[in-house]
């Protein structure tokens, strides 16, 4: 399927790229970033705001792990 879209800024390619990008951000509570991704299904650029909410320790059978709660907001949905 040919895609013809005007893109005026760097974008990530698809939803998995957003998860990879979030994993590379400095995970400090309160940290926010602006990410853009190209959605192939709609042929549009979408804007997202990931925010690190908190750091917490989880306990599972394998042990304890430091984790971060990150919320991902769609800027289109916030309008």
PDB file of N, CA and C in Angstrom:
ATOM      1  N   UNK A   1       0.844  -1.167   0.000  1.00  0.00           N
ATOM      2  CA  UNK A   1       0.000   0.000   0.000  1.00  0.00           C
ATOM      3  C   UNK A   1       0.893   1.235   0.000  1.00  0.00           C
ATOM      4  N   UNK A   2       0.812   2.073  -1.015  1.00  0.00           N
ATOM      5  CA  UNK A   2       1.616   3.288  -1.042  1.00  0.00           C
ATOM      6  C   UNK A   2       1.147   4.281   0.027  1.00  0.00           C
ATOM      7  N   UNK A   3       2.093   4.969   0.635  1.00  0.00           N
ATOM      8  CA  UNK A   3       1.780   5.973   1.646  1.00  0.00           C
ATOM      9  C   UNK A   3       2.353   7.296   1.168  1.00  0.00           C
ATOM     10  N   UNK A   4       1.514   8.323   1.157  1.00  0.00           N
ATOM     11  CA  UNK A   4       1.942   9.655   0.768  1.00  0.00           C
ATOM     12  C   UNK A   4       1.560  10.594   1.903  1.00  0.00           C
ATOM     13  N   UNK A   5       2.527  10.943   2.745  1.00  0.00           N
ATOM     14  CA  UNK A   5       2.249  11.779   3.904  1.00  0.00           C
ATOM     15  C   UNK A   5       3.344  12.824   4.052  1.00  0.00           C
ATOM     16  N   UNK A   6       2.933  14.038   4.352  1.00  0.00           N
ATOM     17  CA  UNK A   6       3.893  15.110   4.615  1.00  0.00           C
ATOM     18  C   UNK A   6       4.294  15.046   6.087  1.00  0.00           C
ATOM     19  N   UNK A   7       5.579  14.907   6.342  1.00  0.00           N
ATOM     20  CA  UNK A   7       6.091  14.834   7.711  1.00  0.00           C
ATOM     21  C   UNK A   7       7.094  15.961   7.881  1.00  0.00           C
ATOM     22  N   UNK A   8       6.895  16.789   8.926  1.00  0.00           N
ATOM     23  CA  UNK A   8       7.706  17.986   9.118  1.00  0.00           C
ATOM     24  C   UNK A   8       8.647  17.916  10.315  1.00  0.00           C
ATOM     25  N   UNK A   9       8.724  16.759  10.947  1.00  0.00           N
ATOM     26  CA  UNK A   9       9.621  16.589  12.093  1.00  0.00           C
ATOM     27  C   UNK A   9      10.024  15.122  12.171  1.00  0.00           C
ATOM     28  N   UNK A  10      11.082  14.809  12.907  1.00  0.00           N
ATOM     29  CA  UNK A  10      11.455  13.393  13.060  1.00  0.00           C
ATOM     30  C   UNK A  10      10.330  12.627  13.768  1.00  0.00           C
ATOM     31  N   UNK A  11      10.055  11.426  13.300  1.00  0.00           N
ATOM     32  CA  UNK A  11       9.002  10.597  13.895  1.00  0.00           C
ATOM     33  C   UNK A  11       9.508   9.177  14.103  1.00  0.00           C
ATOM     34  N   UNK A  12       8.883   8.507  15.053  1.00  0.00           N
ATOM     35  CA  UNK A  12       9.128   7.088  15.264  1.00  0.00           C
ATOM     36  C   UNK A  12       8.222   6.323  14.311  1.00  0.00           C
ATOM     37  N   UNK A  13       8.568   5.095  14.037  1.00  0.00           N
ATOM     38  CA  UNK A  13       7.772   4.324  13.081  1.00  0.00           C
ATOM     39  C   UNK A  13       6.938   3.264  13.785  1.00  0.00           C
ATOM     40  N   UNK A  14       5.732   3.621  14.150  1.00  0.00           N
ATOM     41  CA  UNK A  14       4.811   2.656  14.717  1.00  0.00           C
ATOM     42  C   UNK A  14       4.834   2.565  16.224  1.00  0.00           C
ATOM     43  N   UNK A  15       3.919   1.751  16.775  1.00  0.00           N
ATOM     44  CA  UNK A  15       3.718   1.684  18.221  1.00  0.00           C
ATOM     45  C   UNK A  15       4.858   1.004  18.976  1.00  0.00           C
ATOM     46  N   UNK A  16       5.477  -0.007  18.407  1.00  0.00           N
ATOM     47  CA  UNK A  16       6.593  -0.668  19.102  1.00  0.00           C
ATOM     48  C   UNK A  16       7.763   0.289  19.272  1.00  0.00           C
ATOM     49  N   UNK A  17       7.947   1.192  18.338  1.00  0.00           N
ATOM     50  CA  UNK A  17       9.037   2.165  18.437  1.00  0.00           C
ATOM     51  C   UNK A  17       8.839   3.088  19.633  1.00  0.00           C
ATOM     52  N   UNK A  18       7.594   3.375  19.980  1.00  0.00           N
ATOM     53  CA  UNK A  18       7.318   4.222  21.144  1.00  0.00           C
ATOM     54  C   UNK A  18       7.782   3.523  22.413  1.00  0.00           C
ATOM     55  N   UNK A  19       7.502   2.242  22.533  1.00  0.00           N
ATOM     56  CA  UNK A  19       7.924   1.492  23.719  1.00  0.00           C
ATOM     57  C   UNK A  19       9.448   1.445  23.823  1.00  0.00           C
ATOM     58  N   UNK A  20      10.115   1.260  22.708  1.00  0.00           N
ATOM     59  CA  UNK A  20      11.582   1.242  22.705  1.00  0.00           C
ATOM     60  C   UNK A  20      12.121   2.610  23.097  1.00  0.00           C
ATOM     61  N   UNK A  21      11.530   3.668  22.565  1.00  0.00           N
ATOM     62  CA  UNK A  21      11.976   5.025  22.896  1.00  0.00           C
ATOM     63  C   UNK A  21      11.788   5.314  24.381  1.00  0.00           C
ATOM     64  N   UNK A  22      10.663   4.911  24.955  1.00  0.00           N
ATOM     65  CA  UNK A  22      10.412   5.130  26.384  1.00  0.00           C
ATOM     66  C   UNK A  22      11.461   4.404  27.221  1.00  0.00           C
ATOM     67  N   UNK A  23      11.847   3.211  26.802  1.00  0.00           N
ATOM     68  CA  UNK A  23      12.844   2.436  27.555  1.00  0.00           C
ATOM     69  C   UNK A  23      14.209   3.119  27.576  1.00  0.00           C
ATOM     70  N   UNK A  24      14.472   4.018  26.640  1.00  0.00           N
ATOM     71  CA  UNK A  24      15.772   4.700  26.596  1.00  0.00           C
ATOM     72  C   UNK A  24      15.761   6.042  27.311  1.00  0.00           C
ATOM     73  N   UNK A  25      14.602   6.495  27.792  1.00  0.00           N
ATOM     74  CA  UNK A  25      14.507   7.790  28.464  1.00  0.00           C
ATOM     75  C   UNK A  25      15.049   7.701  29.887  1.00  0.00           C
ATOM     76  N   UNK A  26      15.478   8.828  30.442  1.00  0.00           N
ATOM     77  CA  UNK A  26      15.917   8.818  31.850  1.00  0.00           C
ATOM     78  C   UNK A  26      14.701   8.634  32.761  1.00  0.00           C
ATOM     79  N   UNK A  27      14.605   7.494  33.385  1.00  0.00           N
ATOM     80  CA  UNK A  27      13.432   7.170  34.195  1.00  0.00           C
ATOM     81  C   UNK A  27      13.565   7.763  35.589  1.00  0.00           C
ATOM     82  N   UNK A  28      13.179   9.007  35.688  1.00  0.00           N
ATOM     83  CA  UNK A  28      13.186   9.740  36.947  1.00  0.00           C
ATOM     84  C   UNK A  28      11.768  10.226  37.186  1.00  0.00           C
ATOM     85  N   UNK A  29      11.202   9.977  38.374  1.00  0.00           N
ATOM     86  CA  UNK A  29       9.833  10.443  38.623  1.00  0.00           C
ATOM     87  C   UNK A  29       9.679  11.928  38.278  1.00  0.00           C
ATOM     88  N   UNK A  30       8.618  12.221  37.523  1.00  0.00           N
ATOM     89  CA  UNK A  30       8.348  13.586  37.090  1.00  0.00           C
ATOM     90  C   UNK A  30       8.851  13.894  35.690  1.00  0.00           C
ATOM     91  N   UNK A  31       9.700  13.021  35.145  1.00  0.00           N
ATOM     92  CA  UNK A  31      10.248  13.263  33.804  1.00  0.00           C
ATOM     93  C   UNK A  31       9.155  13.125  32.759  1.00  0.00           C
ATOM     94  N   UNK A  32       9.134  14.071  31.803  1.00  0.00           N
ATOM     95  CA  UNK A  32       8.188  14.047  30.690  1.00  0.00           C
ATOM     96  C   UNK A  32       8.958  14.258  29.402  1.00  0.00           C
ATOM     97  N   UNK A  33       8.426  13.757  28.327  1.00  0.00           N
ATOM     98  CA  UNK A  33       9.053  13.934  27.012  1.00  0.00           C
ATOM     99  C   UNK A  33       7.957  14.055  25.968  1.00  0.00           C
ATOM    100  N   UNK A  34       8.326  14.552  24.823  1.00  0.00           N
ATOM    101  CA  UNK A  34       7.396  14.680  23.702  1.00  0.00           C
ATOM    102  C   UNK A  34       7.868  13.728  22.621  1.00  0.00           C
ATOM    103  N   UNK A  35       7.004  12.799  22.203  1.00  0.00           N
ATOM    104  CA  UNK A  35       7.345  11.836  21.156  1.00  0.00           C
ATOM    105  C   UNK A  35       6.313  11.907  20.044  1.00  0.00           C
ATOM    106  N   UNK A  36       6.773  11.715  18.829  1.00  0.00           N
ATOM    107  CA  UNK A  36       5.853  11.634  17.696  1.00  0.00           C
ATOM    108  C   UNK A  36       6.091  10.319  16.964  1.00  0.00           C
ATOM    109  N   UNK A  37       5.019   9.744  16.478  1.00  0.00           N
ATOM    110  CA  UNK A  37       5.106   8.470  15.762  1.00  0.00           C
ATOM    111  C   UNK A  37       4.177   8.515  14.562  1.00  0.00           C
ATOM    112  N   UNK A  38       4.590   7.842  13.508  1.00  0.00           N
ATOM    113  CA  UNK A  38       3.764   7.755  12.311  1.00  0.00           C
ATOM    114  C   UNK A  38       2.893   6.512  12.408  1.00  0.00           C
ATOM    115  N   UNK A  39       1.573   6.711  12.323  1.00  0.00           N
ATOM    116  CA  UNK A  39       0.625   5.602  12.359  1.00  0.00           C
ATOM    117  C   UNK A  39       0.329   5.181  10.930  1.00  0.00           C
ATOM    118  N   UNK A  40       0.768   4.004  10.567  1.00  0.00           N
ATOM    119  CA  UNK A  40       0.622   3.524   9.194  1.00  0.00           C
ATOM    120  C   UNK A  40      -0.842   3.330   8.799  1.00  0.00           C
ATOM    121  N   UNK A  41      -1.683   2.918   9.730  1.00  0.00           N
ATOM    122  CA  UNK A  41      -3.092   2.660   9.412  1.00  0.00           C
ATOM    123  C   UNK A  41      -3.847   3.943   9.045  1.00  0.00           C
ATOM    124  N   UNK A  42      -3.562   5.030   9.740  1.00  0.00           N
ATOM    125  CA  UNK A  42      -4.262   6.287   9.454  1.00  0.00           C
ATOM    126  C   UNK A  42      -3.442   7.211   8.561  1.00  0.00           C
ATOM    127  N   UNK A  43      -2.178   6.862   8.330  1.00  0.00           N
ATOM    128  CA  UNK A  43      -1.238   7.687   7.550  1.00  0.00           C
ATOM    129  C   UNK A  43      -1.088   9.079   8.142  1.00  0.00           C
ATOM    130  N   UNK A  44      -1.078   9.136   9.482  1.00  0.00           N
ATOM    131  CA  UNK A  44      -0.943  10.419  10.184  1.00  0.00           C
ATOM    132  C   UNK A  44       0.127  10.319  11.261  1.00  0.00           C
ATOM    133  N   UNK A  45       0.675  11.473  11.589  1.00  0.00           N
ATOM    134  CA  UNK A  45       1.625  11.560  12.694  1.00  0.00           C
ATOM    135  C   UNK A  45       0.831  11.756  13.980  1.00  0.00           C
ATOM    136  N   UNK A  46       1.163  10.992  15.002  1.00  0.00           N
ATOM    137  CA  UNK A  46       0.510  11.107  16.300  1.00  0.00           C
ATOM    138  C   UNK A  46       1.533  11.588  17.317  1.00  0.00           C
ATOM    139  N   UNK A  47       1.083  12.413  18.257  1.00  0.00           N
ATOM    140  CA  UNK A  47       1.956  12.960  19.294  1.00  0.00           C
ATOM    141  C   UNK A  47       1.621  12.330  20.638  1.00  0.00           C
ATOM    142  N   UNK A  48       2.665  12.012  21.398  1.00  0.00           N
ATOM    143  CA  UNK A  48       2.497  11.361  22.698  1.00  0.00           C
ATOM    144  C   UNK A  48       3.332  12.064  23.756  1.00  0.00           C
ATOM    145  N   UNK A  49       2.862  11.978  24.984  1.00  0.00           N
ATOM    146  CA  UNK A  49       3.572  12.533  26.128  1.00  0.00           C
ATOM    147  C   UNK A  49       3.725  11.436  27.174  1.00  0.00           C
ATOM    148  N   UNK A  50       4.901  10.786  27.232  1.00  0.00           N
ATOM    149  CA  UNK A  50       5.125   9.829  28.317  1.00  0.00           C
ATOM    150  C   UNK A  50       5.570  10.578  29.579  1.00  0.00           C
ATOM    151  N   UNK A  51       5.061  10.159  30.720  1.00  0.00           N
ATOM    152  CA  UNK A  51       5.442  10.781  31.988  1.00  0.00           C
ATOM    153  C   UNK A  51       5.761   9.690  33.007  1.00  0.00           C
ATOM    154  N   UNK A  52       6.928   9.800  33.634  1.00  0.00           N
ATOM    155  CA  UNK A  52       7.327   8.863  34.680  1.00  0.00           C
ATOM    156  C   UNK A  52       6.622   9.293  35.962  1.00  0.00           C
ATOM    157  N   UNK A  53       5.714   8.456  36.434  1.00  0.00           N
ATOM    158  CA  UNK A  53       4.907   8.798  37.604  1.00  0.00           C
ATOM    159  C   UNK A  53       5.606   8.489  38.928  1.00  0.00           C
ATOM    160  N   UNK A  54       6.153   7.272  39.043  1.00  0.00           N
ATOM    161  CA  UNK A  54       6.775   6.899  40.314  1.00  0.00           C
ATOM    162  C   UNK A  54       7.698   5.705  40.133  1.00  0.00           C
ATOM    163  N   UNK A  55       8.546   5.526  41.123  1.00  0.00           N
ATOM    164  CA  UNK A  55       9.432   4.366  41.189  1.00  0.00           C
ATOM    165  C   UNK A  55       8.904   3.486  42.312  1.00  0.00           C
ATOM    166  N   UNK A  56       8.888   2.176  42.075  1.00  0.00           N
ATOM    167  CA  UNK A  56       8.414   1.276  43.123  1.00  0.00           C
ATOM    168  C   UNK A  56       9.154  -0.052  43.052  1.00  0.00           C
ATOM    169  N   UNK A  57       9.137  -0.763  44.143  1.00  0.00           N
ATOM    170  CA  UNK A  57       9.743  -2.083  44.219  1.00  0.00           C
ATOM    171  C   UNK A  57       8.636  -3.119  44.168  1.00  0.00           C
ATOM    172  N   UNK A  58       8.786  -4.093  43.276  1.00  0.00           N
ATOM    173  CA  UNK A  58       7.811  -5.179  43.226  1.00  0.00           C
ATOM    174  C   UNK A  58       8.480  -6.458  43.697  1.00  0.00           C
ATOM    175  N   UNK A  59       7.701  -7.310  44.335  1.00  0.00           N
ATOM    176  CA  UNK A  59       8.207  -8.588  44.827  1.00  0.00           C
ATOM    177  C   UNK A  59       7.510  -9.712  44.082  1.00  0.00           C
ATOM    178  N   UNK A  60       8.300 -10.603  43.520  1.00  0.00           N
ATOM    179  CA  UNK A  60       7.808 -11.801  42.855  1.00  0.00           C
ATOM    180  C   UNK A  60       8.630 -12.979  43.349  1.00  0.00           C
ATOM    181  N   UNK A  61       8.281 -14.186  42.939  1.00  0.00           N
ATOM    182  CA  UNK A  61       9.012 -15.366  43.404  1.00  0.00           C
ATOM    183  C   UNK A  61      10.507 -15.288  43.102  1.00  0.00           C
ATOM    184  N   UNK A  62      10.847 -14.678  41.985  1.00  0.00           N
ATOM    185  CA  UNK A  62      12.251 -14.592  41.571  1.00  0.00           C
ATOM    186  C   UNK A  62      13.030 -13.535  42.345  1.00  0.00           C
ATOM    187  N   UNK A  63      12.344 -12.690  43.111  1.00  0.00           N
ATOM    188  CA  UNK A  63      13.037 -11.675  43.900  1.00  0.00           C
ATOM    189  C   UNK A  63      12.334 -10.333  43.868  1.00  0.00           C
ATOM    190  N   UNK A  64      13.097  -9.275  44.231  1.00  0.00           N
ATOM    191  CA  UNK A  64      12.571  -7.908  44.238  1.00  0.00           C
ATOM    192  C   UNK A  64      13.188  -7.133  43.090  1.00  0.00           C
ATOM    193  N   UNK A  65      12.365  -6.293  42.465  1.00  0.00           N
ATOM    194  CA  UNK A  65      12.834  -5.517  41.318  1.00  0.00           C
ATOM    195  C   UNK A  65      12.366  -4.075  41.425  1.00  0.00           C
ATOM    196  N   UNK A  66      13.260  -3.148  41.104  1.00  0.00           N
ATOM    197  CA  UNK A  66      12.916  -1.739  41.033  1.00  0.00           C
ATOM    198  C   UNK A  66      12.213  -1.501  39.700  1.00  0.00           C
ATOM    199  N   UNK A  67      11.050  -0.884  39.733  1.00  0.00           N
ATOM    200  CA  UNK A  67      10.289  -0.624  38.513  1.00  0.00           C
ATOM    201  C   UNK A  67       9.870   0.843  38.478  1.00  0.00           C
ATOM    202  N   UNK A  68       9.417   1.276  37.330  1.00  0.00           N
ATOM    203  CA  UNK A  68       8.940   2.639  37.148  1.00  0.00           C
ATOM    204  C   UNK A  68       7.558   2.592  36.515  1.00  0.00           C
ATOM    205  N   UNK A  69       6.661   3.408  37.025  1.00  0.00           N
ATOM    206  CA  UNK A  69       5.327   3.528  36.432  1.00  0.00           C
ATOM    207  C   UNK A  69       5.375   4.690  35.450  1.00  0.00           C
ATOM    208  N   UNK A  70       5.146   4.374  34.174  1.00  0.00           N
ATOM    209  CA  UNK A  70       5.155   5.386  33.125  1.00  0.00           C
ATOM    210  C   UNK A  70       3.780   5.427  32.483  1.00  0.00           C
ATOM    211  N   UNK A  71       3.178   6.611  32.445  1.00  0.00           N
ATOM    212  CA  UNK A  71       1.893   6.783  31.777  1.00  0.00           C
ATOM    213  C   UNK A  71       2.140   7.426  30.426  1.00  0.00           C
ATOM    214  N   UNK A  72       1.433   6.951  29.419  1.00  0.00           N
ATOM    215  CA  UNK A  72       1.573   7.465  28.064  1.00  0.00           C
ATOM    216  C   UNK A  72       0.261   8.123  27.660  1.00  0.00           C
ATOM    217  N   UNK A  73       0.336   9.429  27.398  1.00  0.00           N
ATOM    218  CA  UNK A  73      -0.834  10.190  27.009  1.00  0.00           C
ATOM    219  C   UNK A  73      -0.767  10.501  25.521  1.00  0.00           C
ATOM    220  N   UNK A  74      -1.870  10.353  24.837  1.00  0.00           N
ATOM    221  CA  UNK A  74      -1.982  10.781  23.449  1.00  0.00           C
ATOM    222  C   UNK A  74      -2.394  12.246  23.468  1.00  0.00           C
ATOM    223  N   UNK A  75      -1.617  13.106  22.834  1.00  0.00           N
ATOM    224  CA  UNK A  75      -1.950  14.533  22.839  1.00  0.00           C
ATOM    225  C   UNK A  75      -3.251  14.813  22.098  1.00  0.00           C
ATOM    226  N   UNK A  76      -3.595  13.976  21.125  1.00  0.00           N
ATOM    227  CA  UNK A  76      -4.857  14.129  20.419  1.00  0.00           C
ATOM    228  C   UNK A  76      -6.039  13.861  21.350  1.00  0.00           C
ATOM    229  N   UNK A  77      -5.890  12.904  22.243  1.00  0.00           N
ATOM    230  CA  UNK A  77      -6.962  12.570  23.174  1.00  0.00           C
ATOM    231  C   UNK A  77      -7.088  13.604  24.292  1.00  0.00           C
ATOM    232  N   UNK A  78      -6.024  14.373  24.542  1.00  0.00           N
ATOM    233  CA  UNK A  78      -6.051  15.367  25.610  1.00  0.00           C
ATOM    234  C   UNK A  78      -6.741  16.658  25.181  1.00  0.00           C
ATOM    235  N   UNK A  79      -6.975  16.813  23.879  1.00  0.00           N
ATOM    236  CA  UNK A  79      -7.590  18.052  23.380  1.00  0.00           C
ATOM    237  C   UNK A  79      -9.052  18.124  23.731  1.00  0.00           C
TER     238      UNK A  79
END
